[in-house]
């Protein structure tokens, strides 16, 4: 049996190649030729100082933002040329809840299930399992606009993973969550990757990133600083936080 680490890497799920994005034609690029690949079975953390381009990159991957140059594919489908097919394989938790406030929680989950064509028996089982983990209980039958920030985050997470996408992307998912819910979500992310899916999340909590991730992508001023696997993280000789502070530019604020 080969000891080559590449033999343990699953198929490519996300490919980002030479991505460039700016918000108007006279502005500097926010993302500057960024390239990376994510494989099945990985938990990948994207980290960077404020303004480094993390959320912009994520929004380009999900198709929420157009981009100027480069290519993005999800499970082999180009996000520009075949957006519906690409998004069929994608689940997304935004940094600000995008749930439909005038729906109840259960209506929203059923709406998502309808979009993805999930059978009624399957969706019922999945919703019950997710609610058992996150504990919305009777709140599922209340309007989402009555939810607290933490509850909106829970329903957003539940909706994003309900179709069991190949690629699950979470933008600052732990912000505003209580410790118990945060623990549940971190375990869910790890377990989901163990089942062969791909999880990508951005976070300023580098301790969580260091403990949870199989790979870490560090971005500074829109460019790739480092793409390191688990072995490289463990071989740093220092914490990920210290490495990050010492190897990202001072032009951005933490």
C-alpha atoms as a PDB file:
ATOM      1  CA  UNK A   1       0.000   0.000   0.000  1.00  0.00           C
ATOM      2  CA  UNK A   2       1.354   3.422  -0.931  1.00  0.00           C
ATOM      3  CA  UNK A   3       2.290   5.847   1.829  1.00  0.00           C
ATOM      4  CA  UNK A   4       1.792   8.785  -0.514  1.00  0.00           C
ATOM      5  CA  UNK A   5      -0.631  11.209   1.148  1.00  0.00           C
ATOM      6  CA  UNK A   6      -2.219  11.864  -2.265  1.00  0.00           C
ATOM      7  CA  UNK A   7      -3.622   8.320  -2.184  1.00  0.00           C
ATOM      8  CA  UNK A   8      -5.915   9.399   0.666  1.00  0.00           C
ATOM      9  CA  UNK A   9      -7.298  12.446  -1.104  1.00  0.00           C
ATOM     10  CA  UNK A  10     -10.807  12.149  -2.553  1.00  0.00           C
ATOM     11  CA  UNK A  11     -12.073  13.558  -5.808  1.00  0.00           C
ATOM     12  CA  UNK A  12     -12.104  17.273  -6.507  1.00  0.00           C
ATOM     13  CA  UNK A  13     -15.329  18.908  -5.363  1.00  0.00           C
ATOM     14  CA  UNK A  14     -14.425  22.606  -5.660  1.00  0.00           C
ATOM     15  CA  UNK A  15     -11.909  24.120  -8.057  1.00  0.00           C
ATOM     16  CA  UNK A  16     -11.111  27.835  -7.898  1.00  0.00           C
ATOM     17  CA  UNK A  17      -8.668  28.929 -10.599  1.00  0.00           C
ATOM     18  CA  UNK A  18      -7.129  32.397 -11.012  1.00  0.00           C
ATOM     19  CA  UNK A  19     -10.133  34.124  -9.425  1.00  0.00           C
ATOM     20  CA  UNK A  20     -10.181  37.910  -9.718  1.00  0.00           C
ATOM     21  CA  UNK A  21     -12.950  40.138  -8.416  1.00  0.00           C
ATOM     22  CA  UNK A  22     -13.410  43.886  -8.067  1.00  0.00           C
ATOM     23  CA  UNK A  23     -16.528  45.864  -7.263  1.00  0.00           C
ATOM     24  CA  UNK A  24     -16.165  48.497  -9.966  1.00  0.00           C
ATOM     25  CA  UNK A  25     -13.916  48.862 -12.999  1.00  0.00           C
ATOM     26  CA  UNK A  26     -11.853  51.668 -11.495  1.00  0.00           C
ATOM     27  CA  UNK A  27     -11.203  49.902  -8.185  1.00  0.00           C
ATOM     28  CA  UNK A  28      -8.365  47.601  -7.207  1.00  0.00           C
ATOM     29  CA  UNK A  29      -9.092  43.900  -7.239  1.00  0.00           C
ATOM     30  CA  UNK A  30     -10.487  42.617  -3.934  1.00  0.00           C
ATOM     31  CA  UNK A  31      -9.486  39.071  -4.924  1.00  0.00           C
ATOM     32  CA  UNK A  32      -6.276  38.814  -6.939  1.00  0.00           C
ATOM     33  CA  UNK A  33      -5.780  35.612  -8.903  1.00  0.00           C
ATOM     34  CA  UNK A  34      -6.763  33.202  -6.124  1.00  0.00           C
ATOM     35  CA  UNK A  35      -6.491  29.458  -6.817  1.00  0.00           C
ATOM     36  CA  UNK A  36      -7.194  26.414  -4.659  1.00  0.00           C
ATOM     37  CA  UNK A  37      -8.851  22.996  -4.819  1.00  0.00           C
ATOM     38  CA  UNK A  38     -10.986  21.246  -2.189  1.00  0.00           C
ATOM     39  CA  UNK A  39     -11.565  17.487  -2.142  1.00  0.00           C
ATOM     40  CA  UNK A  40     -14.290  15.232  -0.794  1.00  0.00           C
ATOM     41  CA  UNK A  41     -13.922  14.355   2.875  1.00  0.00           C
ATOM     42  CA  UNK A  42     -12.127  17.590   3.811  1.00  0.00           C
ATOM     43  CA  UNK A  43     -12.923  20.324   6.310  1.00  0.00           C
ATOM     44  CA  UNK A  44     -11.255  23.436   4.910  1.00  0.00           C
ATOM     45  CA  UNK A  45     -10.874  26.705   6.793  1.00  0.00           C
ATOM     46  CA  UNK A  46     -10.510  30.043   4.992  1.00  0.00           C
ATOM     47  CA  UNK A  47      -8.902  32.661   7.203  1.00  0.00           C
ATOM     48  CA  UNK A  48      -7.738  36.240   6.746  1.00  0.00           C
ATOM     49  CA  UNK A  49      -7.892  39.646   8.349  1.00  0.00           C
ATOM     50  CA  UNK A  50     -10.929  41.872   7.841  1.00  0.00           C
ATOM     51  CA  UNK A  51     -11.052  42.963   4.201  1.00  0.00           C
ATOM     52  CA  UNK A  52      -8.758  40.162   3.036  1.00  0.00           C
ATOM     53  CA  UNK A  53     -11.362  38.837   0.583  1.00  0.00           C
ATOM     54  CA  UNK A  54     -12.774  35.802   2.435  1.00  0.00           C
ATOM     55  CA  UNK A  55     -16.477  36.624   2.130  1.00  0.00           C
ATOM     56  CA  UNK A  56     -16.019  37.939  -1.405  1.00  0.00           C
ATOM     57  CA  UNK A  57     -14.400  34.660  -2.419  1.00  0.00           C
ATOM     58  CA  UNK A  58     -17.212  32.675  -0.801  1.00  0.00           C
ATOM     59  CA  UNK A  59     -19.893  34.769  -2.500  1.00  0.00           C
ATOM     60  CA  UNK A  60     -18.182  34.205  -5.867  1.00  0.00           C
ATOM     61  CA  UNK A  61     -18.111  30.448  -5.238  1.00  0.00           C
ATOM     62  CA  UNK A  62     -21.816  30.385  -4.390  1.00  0.00           C
ATOM     63  CA  UNK A  63     -22.734  32.466  -7.433  1.00  0.00           C
ATOM     64  CA  UNK A  64     -24.016  35.405  -5.388  1.00  0.00           C
ATOM     65  CA  UNK A  65     -21.321  37.682  -6.830  1.00  0.00           C
ATOM     66  CA  UNK A  66     -20.126  37.787 -10.438  1.00  0.00           C
ATOM     67  CA  UNK A  67     -16.362  37.868 -10.901  1.00  0.00           C
ATOM     68  CA  UNK A  68     -14.068  39.444 -13.456  1.00  0.00           C
ATOM     69  CA  UNK A  69     -11.636  36.666 -14.318  1.00  0.00           C
ATOM     70  CA  UNK A  70     -10.966  33.040 -13.527  1.00  0.00           C
ATOM     71  CA  UNK A  71     -13.010  29.866 -13.189  1.00  0.00           C
ATOM     72  CA  UNK A  72     -15.014  28.193 -10.418  1.00  0.00           C
ATOM     73  CA  UNK A  73     -16.435  24.689 -10.698  1.00  0.00           C
ATOM     74  CA  UNK A  74     -18.431  22.602  -8.218  1.00  0.00           C
ATOM     75  CA  UNK A  75     -18.493  18.842  -8.820  1.00  0.00           C
ATOM     76  CA  UNK A  76     -17.346  19.542 -12.378  1.00  0.00           C
ATOM     77  CA  UNK A  77     -20.014  22.172 -13.137  1.00  0.00           C
ATOM     78  CA  UNK A  78     -18.934  25.711 -13.987  1.00  0.00           C
ATOM     79  CA  UNK A  79     -20.692  28.205 -11.683  1.00  0.00           C
ATOM     80  CA  UNK A  80     -21.035  30.695 -14.580  1.00  0.00           C
ATOM     81  CA  UNK A  81     -21.858  28.368 -17.470  1.00  0.00           C
ATOM     82  CA  UNK A  82     -23.978  25.844 -15.539  1.00  0.00           C
ATOM     83  CA  UNK A  83     -25.122  27.693 -12.414  1.00  0.00           C
ATOM     84  CA  UNK A  84     -28.190  25.546 -11.646  1.00  0.00           C
ATOM     85  CA  UNK A  85     -26.276  22.283 -11.895  1.00  0.00           C
ATOM     86  CA  UNK A  86     -23.409  23.706  -9.831  1.00  0.00           C
ATOM     87  CA  UNK A  87     -25.699  25.064  -7.109  1.00  0.00           C
ATOM     88  CA  UNK A  88     -27.556  21.756  -6.895  1.00  0.00           C
ATOM     89  CA  UNK A  89     -24.406  20.381  -5.227  1.00  0.00           C
ATOM     90  CA  UNK A  90     -24.001  23.357  -2.886  1.00  0.00           C
ATOM     91  CA  UNK A  91     -25.277  24.267   0.572  1.00  0.00           C
ATOM     92  CA  UNK A  92     -24.554  27.741   1.945  1.00  0.00           C
ATOM     93  CA  UNK A  93     -24.770  29.419   5.348  1.00  0.00           C
ATOM     94  CA  UNK A  94     -24.236  33.186   4.840  1.00  0.00           C
ATOM     95  CA  UNK A  95     -22.723  35.538   7.388  1.00  0.00           C
ATOM     96  CA  UNK A  96     -26.119  37.292   7.512  1.00  0.00           C
ATOM     97  CA  UNK A  97     -29.274  35.152   7.514  1.00  0.00           C
ATOM     98  CA  UNK A  98     -31.051  35.012   4.144  1.00  0.00           C
ATOM     99  CA  UNK A  99     -34.058  33.056   5.408  1.00  0.00           C
ATOM    100  CA  UNK A 100     -37.564  34.181   4.405  1.00  0.00           C
ATOM    101  CA  UNK A 101     -38.748  36.060   7.503  1.00  0.00           C
ATOM    102  CA  UNK A 102     -42.441  35.805   6.644  1.00  0.00           C
ATOM    103  CA  UNK A 103     -42.323  32.005   6.643  1.00  0.00           C
ATOM    104  CA  UNK A 104     -42.350  29.771   9.675  1.00  0.00           C
ATOM    105  CA  UNK A 105     -39.266  27.660  10.217  1.00  0.00           C
ATOM    106  CA  UNK A 106     -40.976  24.490   9.019  1.00  0.00           C
ATOM    107  CA  UNK A 107     -42.362  26.263   5.945  1.00  0.00           C
ATOM    108  CA  UNK A 108     -38.878  27.439   5.065  1.00  0.00           C
ATOM    109  CA  UNK A 109     -37.386  23.949   5.445  1.00  0.00           C
ATOM    110  CA  UNK A 110     -40.160  22.458   3.301  1.00  0.00           C
ATOM    111  CA  UNK A 111     -39.597  25.196   0.722  1.00  0.00           C
ATOM    112  CA  UNK A 112     -35.923  24.209   0.472  1.00  0.00           C
ATOM    113  CA  UNK A 113     -36.875  20.529   0.316  1.00  0.00           C
ATOM    114  CA  UNK A 114     -39.294  21.279  -2.535  1.00  0.00           C
ATOM    115  CA  UNK A 115     -36.593  23.091  -4.508  1.00  0.00           C
ATOM    116  CA  UNK A 116     -34.280  20.094  -4.243  1.00  0.00           C
ATOM    117  CA  UNK A 117     -37.036  17.548  -4.843  1.00  0.00           C
ATOM    118  CA  UNK A 118     -36.635  15.768  -1.518  1.00  0.00           C
ATOM    119  CA  UNK A 119     -39.239  13.053  -0.921  1.00  0.00           C
ATOM    120  CA  UNK A 120     -41.703  13.795   1.905  1.00  0.00           C
ATOM    121  CA  UNK A 121     -40.649  10.828   4.039  1.00  0.00           C
ATOM    122  CA  UNK A 122     -36.944  11.612   3.575  1.00  0.00           C
ATOM    123  CA  UNK A 123     -37.380  15.296   4.400  1.00  0.00           C
ATOM    124  CA  UNK A 124     -39.407  14.465   7.513  1.00  0.00           C
ATOM    125  CA  UNK A 125     -36.647  12.181   8.770  1.00  0.00           C
ATOM    126  CA  UNK A 126     -33.916  14.713   8.014  1.00  0.00           C
ATOM    127  CA  UNK A 127     -35.797  17.617   9.614  1.00  0.00           C
ATOM    128  CA  UNK A 128     -36.452  15.601  12.756  1.00  0.00           C
ATOM    129  CA  UNK A 129     -32.788  14.625  12.973  1.00  0.00           C
ATOM    130  CA  UNK A 130     -31.617  18.216  12.511  1.00  0.00           C
ATOM    131  CA  UNK A 131     -34.131  19.570  15.001  1.00  0.00           C
ATOM    132  CA  UNK A 132     -32.995  16.971  17.508  1.00  0.00           C
ATOM    133  CA  UNK A 133     -29.465  18.367  17.130  1.00  0.00           C
ATOM    134  CA  UNK A 134     -30.348  22.076  17.200  1.00  0.00           C
ATOM    135  CA  UNK A 135     -33.448  22.056  19.378  1.00  0.00           C
ATOM    136  CA  UNK A 136     -35.757  24.605  17.737  1.00  0.00           C
ATOM    137  CA  UNK A 137     -38.714  22.398  18.684  1.00  0.00           C
ATOM    138  CA  UNK A 138     -41.968  24.439  18.760  1.00  0.00           C
ATOM    139  CA  UNK A 139     -40.141  27.459  17.350  1.00  0.00           C
ATOM    140  CA  UNK A 140     -40.195  25.677  13.991  1.00  0.00           C
ATOM    141  CA  UNK A 141     -43.861  26.664  13.777  1.00  0.00           C
ATOM    142  CA  UNK A 142     -43.277  30.365  14.492  1.00  0.00           C
ATOM    143  CA  UNK A 143     -42.444  33.053  11.952  1.00  0.00           C
ATOM    144  CA  UNK A 144     -38.708  33.396  11.346  1.00  0.00           C
ATOM    145  CA  UNK A 145     -38.923  37.167  11.918  1.00  0.00           C
ATOM    146  CA  UNK A 146     -39.636  36.379  15.577  1.00  0.00           C
ATOM    147  CA  UNK A 147     -36.371  34.427  15.924  1.00  0.00           C
ATOM    148  CA  UNK A 148     -33.283  35.602  17.783  1.00  0.00           C
ATOM    149  CA  UNK A 149     -29.980  35.825  15.889  1.00  0.00           C
ATOM    150  CA  UNK A 150     -28.962  32.414  17.186  1.00  0.00           C
ATOM    151  CA  UNK A 151     -32.248  30.828  16.133  1.00  0.00           C
ATOM    152  CA  UNK A 152     -31.974  32.354  12.643  1.00  0.00           C
ATOM    153  CA  UNK A 153     -28.490  30.901  12.413  1.00  0.00           C
ATOM    154  CA  UNK A 154     -29.847  27.482  13.383  1.00  0.00           C
ATOM    155  CA  UNK A 155     -32.599  27.513  10.750  1.00  0.00           C
ATOM    156  CA  UNK A 156     -30.098  28.702   8.153  1.00  0.00           C
ATOM    157  CA  UNK A 157     -27.758  25.829   8.981  1.00  0.00           C
ATOM    158  CA  UNK A 158     -30.614  23.313   8.948  1.00  0.00           C
ATOM    159  CA  UNK A 159     -31.849  24.524   5.545  1.00  0.00           C
ATOM    160  CA  UNK A 160     -28.381  24.511   4.026  1.00  0.00           C
ATOM    161  CA  UNK A 161     -27.614  20.902   4.953  1.00  0.00           C
ATOM    162  CA  UNK A 162     -31.127  19.506   4.456  1.00  0.00           C
ATOM    163  CA  UNK A 163     -30.446  18.513   0.794  1.00  0.00           C
ATOM    164  CA  UNK A 164     -27.168  16.853   1.910  1.00  0.00           C
ATOM    165  CA  UNK A 165     -25.025  18.787  -0.599  1.00  0.00           C
ATOM    166  CA  UNK A 166     -21.595  17.605  -1.750  1.00  0.00           C
ATOM    167  CA  UNK A 167     -20.152  21.021  -0.850  1.00  0.00           C
ATOM    168  CA  UNK A 168     -21.215  22.777   2.365  1.00  0.00           C
ATOM    169  CA  UNK A 169     -19.994  26.359   2.735  1.00  0.00           C
ATOM    170  CA  UNK A 170     -20.371  28.361   5.946  1.00  0.00           C
ATOM    171  CA  UNK A 171     -19.352  32.012   6.275  1.00  0.00           C
ATOM    172  CA  UNK A 172     -18.503  32.866   9.911  1.00  0.00           C
ATOM    173  CA  UNK A 173     -21.032  30.254  11.125  1.00  0.00           C
ATOM    174  CA  UNK A 174     -20.133  30.357  14.832  1.00  0.00           C
ATOM    175  CA  UNK A 175     -20.747  34.081  15.314  1.00  0.00           C
ATOM    176  CA  UNK A 176     -23.465  34.703  17.899  1.00  0.00           C
ATOM    177  CA  UNK A 177     -24.019  31.039  18.775  1.00  0.00           C
ATOM    178  CA  UNK A 178     -24.141  29.885  22.378  1.00  0.00           C
ATOM    179  CA  UNK A 179     -21.422  27.389  23.430  1.00  0.00           C
ATOM    180  CA  UNK A 180     -23.721  24.359  23.222  1.00  0.00           C
ATOM    181  CA  UNK A 181     -24.957  25.152  19.716  1.00  0.00           C
ATOM    182  CA  UNK A 182     -21.425  26.004  18.637  1.00  0.00           C
ATOM    183  CA  UNK A 183     -20.270  22.595  19.848  1.00  0.00           C
ATOM    184  CA  UNK A 184     -23.131  20.864  18.005  1.00  0.00           C
ATOM    185  CA  UNK A 185     -22.298  22.683  14.762  1.00  0.00           C
ATOM    186  CA  UNK A 186     -18.579  21.918  14.952  1.00  0.00           C
ATOM    187  CA  UNK A 187     -19.310  18.221  15.469  1.00  0.00           C
ATOM    188  CA  UNK A 188     -21.810  18.247  12.613  1.00  0.00           C
ATOM    189  CA  UNK A 189     -19.238  19.820  10.291  1.00  0.00           C
ATOM    190  CA  UNK A 190     -16.614  17.222  11.153  1.00  0.00           C
ATOM    191  CA  UNK A 191     -19.059  14.314  10.884  1.00  0.00           C
ATOM    192  CA  UNK A 192     -20.363  15.596   7.562  1.00  0.00           C
ATOM    193  CA  UNK A 193     -16.867  15.568   6.056  1.00  0.00           C
ATOM    194  CA  UNK A 194     -16.226  12.104   7.498  1.00  0.00           C
ATOM    195  CA  UNK A 195     -19.177  10.870   5.432  1.00  0.00           C
ATOM    196  CA  UNK A 196     -17.369  11.999   2.267  1.00  0.00           C
ATOM    197  CA  UNK A 197     -18.728  15.510   1.806  1.00  0.00           C
ATOM    198  CA  UNK A 198     -16.668  18.697   1.656  1.00  0.00           C
ATOM    199  CA  UNK A 199     -16.993  21.452   4.259  1.00  0.00           C
ATOM    200  CA  UNK A 200     -15.556  24.947   3.820  1.00  0.00           C
ATOM    201  CA  UNK A 201     -15.928  27.659   6.426  1.00  0.00           C
ATOM    202  CA  UNK A 202     -14.468  31.049   7.205  1.00  0.00           C
ATOM    203  CA  UNK A 203     -13.720  32.115  10.757  1.00  0.00           C
ATOM    204  CA  UNK A 204     -11.716  34.562  12.847  1.00  0.00           C
ATOM    205  CA  UNK A 205     -11.481  31.934  15.595  1.00  0.00           C
ATOM    206  CA  UNK A 206      -8.137  30.403  14.694  1.00  0.00           C
ATOM    207  CA  UNK A 207      -8.192  27.969  17.613  1.00  0.00           C
ATOM    208  CA  UNK A 208     -11.344  26.392  16.166  1.00  0.00           C
ATOM    209  CA  UNK A 209      -9.861  26.371  12.667  1.00  0.00           C
ATOM    210  CA  UNK A 210      -6.669  24.721  13.904  1.00  0.00           C
ATOM    211  CA  UNK A 211      -8.552  21.979  15.766  1.00  0.00           C
ATOM    212  CA  UNK A 212     -11.282  21.328  13.212  1.00  0.00           C
ATOM    213  CA  UNK A 213      -9.697  21.629   9.785  1.00  0.00           C
ATOM    214  CA  UNK A 214      -7.896  19.197   7.530  1.00  0.00           C
ATOM    215  CA  UNK A 215      -6.684  22.141   5.450  1.00  0.00           C
ATOM    216  CA  UNK A 216      -6.303  25.856   6.050  1.00  0.00           C
ATOM    217  CA  UNK A 217      -6.248  28.506   3.322  1.00  0.00           C
ATOM    218  CA  UNK A 218      -4.796  31.826   4.456  1.00  0.00           C
ATOM    219  CA  UNK A 219      -5.656  34.907   2.407  1.00  0.00           C
ATOM    220  CA  UNK A 220      -4.155  38.379   2.731  1.00  0.00           C
ATOM    221  CA  UNK A 221      -5.117  41.404   0.627  1.00  0.00           C
ATOM    222  CA  UNK A 222      -6.934  39.170  -1.839  1.00  0.00           C
ATOM    223  CA  UNK A 223      -4.006  36.832  -2.448  1.00  0.00           C
ATOM    224  CA  UNK A 224      -3.112  33.360  -1.245  1.00  0.00           C
ATOM    225  CA  UNK A 225      -0.528  33.359   1.548  1.00  0.00           C
ATOM    226  CA  UNK A 226      -0.566  29.658   2.388  1.00  0.00           C
ATOM    227  CA  UNK A 227      -2.561  26.514   1.641  1.00  0.00           C
ATOM    228  CA  UNK A 228      -1.567  23.948   4.249  1.00  0.00           C
ATOM    229  CA  UNK A 229      -2.760  20.438   5.060  1.00  0.00           C
ATOM    230  CA  UNK A 230      -3.078  18.797   8.484  1.00  0.00           C
ATOM    231  CA  UNK A 231       0.543  17.624   8.522  1.00  0.00           C
ATOM    232  CA  UNK A 232       1.810  21.122   7.719  1.00  0.00           C
ATOM    233  CA  UNK A 233      -0.403  22.665  10.405  1.00  0.00           C
ATOM    234  CA  UNK A 234       0.957  20.251  13.018  1.00  0.00           C
ATOM    235  CA  UNK A 235       4.536  20.882  11.858  1.00  0.00           C
ATOM    236  CA  UNK A 236       4.348  24.680  12.224  1.00  0.00           C
ATOM    237  CA  UNK A 237       6.158  24.622  15.543  1.00  0.00           C
ATOM    238  CA  UNK A 238       3.795  27.327  16.758  1.00  0.00           C
ATOM    239  CA  UNK A 239       0.054  27.943  16.942  1.00  0.00           C
ATOM    240  CA  UNK A 240      -1.893  28.730  13.793  1.00  0.00           C
ATOM    241  CA  UNK A 241      -2.785  32.092  15.353  1.00  0.00           C
ATOM    242  CA  UNK A 242       0.864  33.060  15.819  1.00  0.00           C
ATOM    243  CA  UNK A 243       1.749  31.906  12.321  1.00  0.00           C
ATOM    244  CA  UNK A 244      -1.174  33.910  10.932  1.00  0.00           C
ATOM    245  CA  UNK A 245      -0.219  37.094  12.762  1.00  0.00           C
ATOM    246  CA  UNK A 246       3.383  36.836  11.596  1.00  0.00           C
ATOM    247  CA  UNK A 247       2.621  35.995   7.969  1.00  0.00           C
ATOM    248  CA  UNK A 248      -0.209  38.286   6.910  1.00  0.00           C
ATOM    249  CA  UNK A 249       0.177  41.876   5.876  1.00  0.00           C
ATOM    250  CA  UNK A 250      -0.353  44.759   8.270  1.00  0.00           C
ATOM    251  CA  UNK A 251      -2.550  46.636   5.822  1.00  0.00           C
ATOM    252  CA  UNK A 252      -5.684  44.887   7.053  1.00  0.00           C
ATOM    253  CA  UNK A 253      -7.097  45.111  10.550  1.00  0.00           C
ATOM    254  CA  UNK A 254      -7.797  41.942  12.521  1.00  0.00           C
END
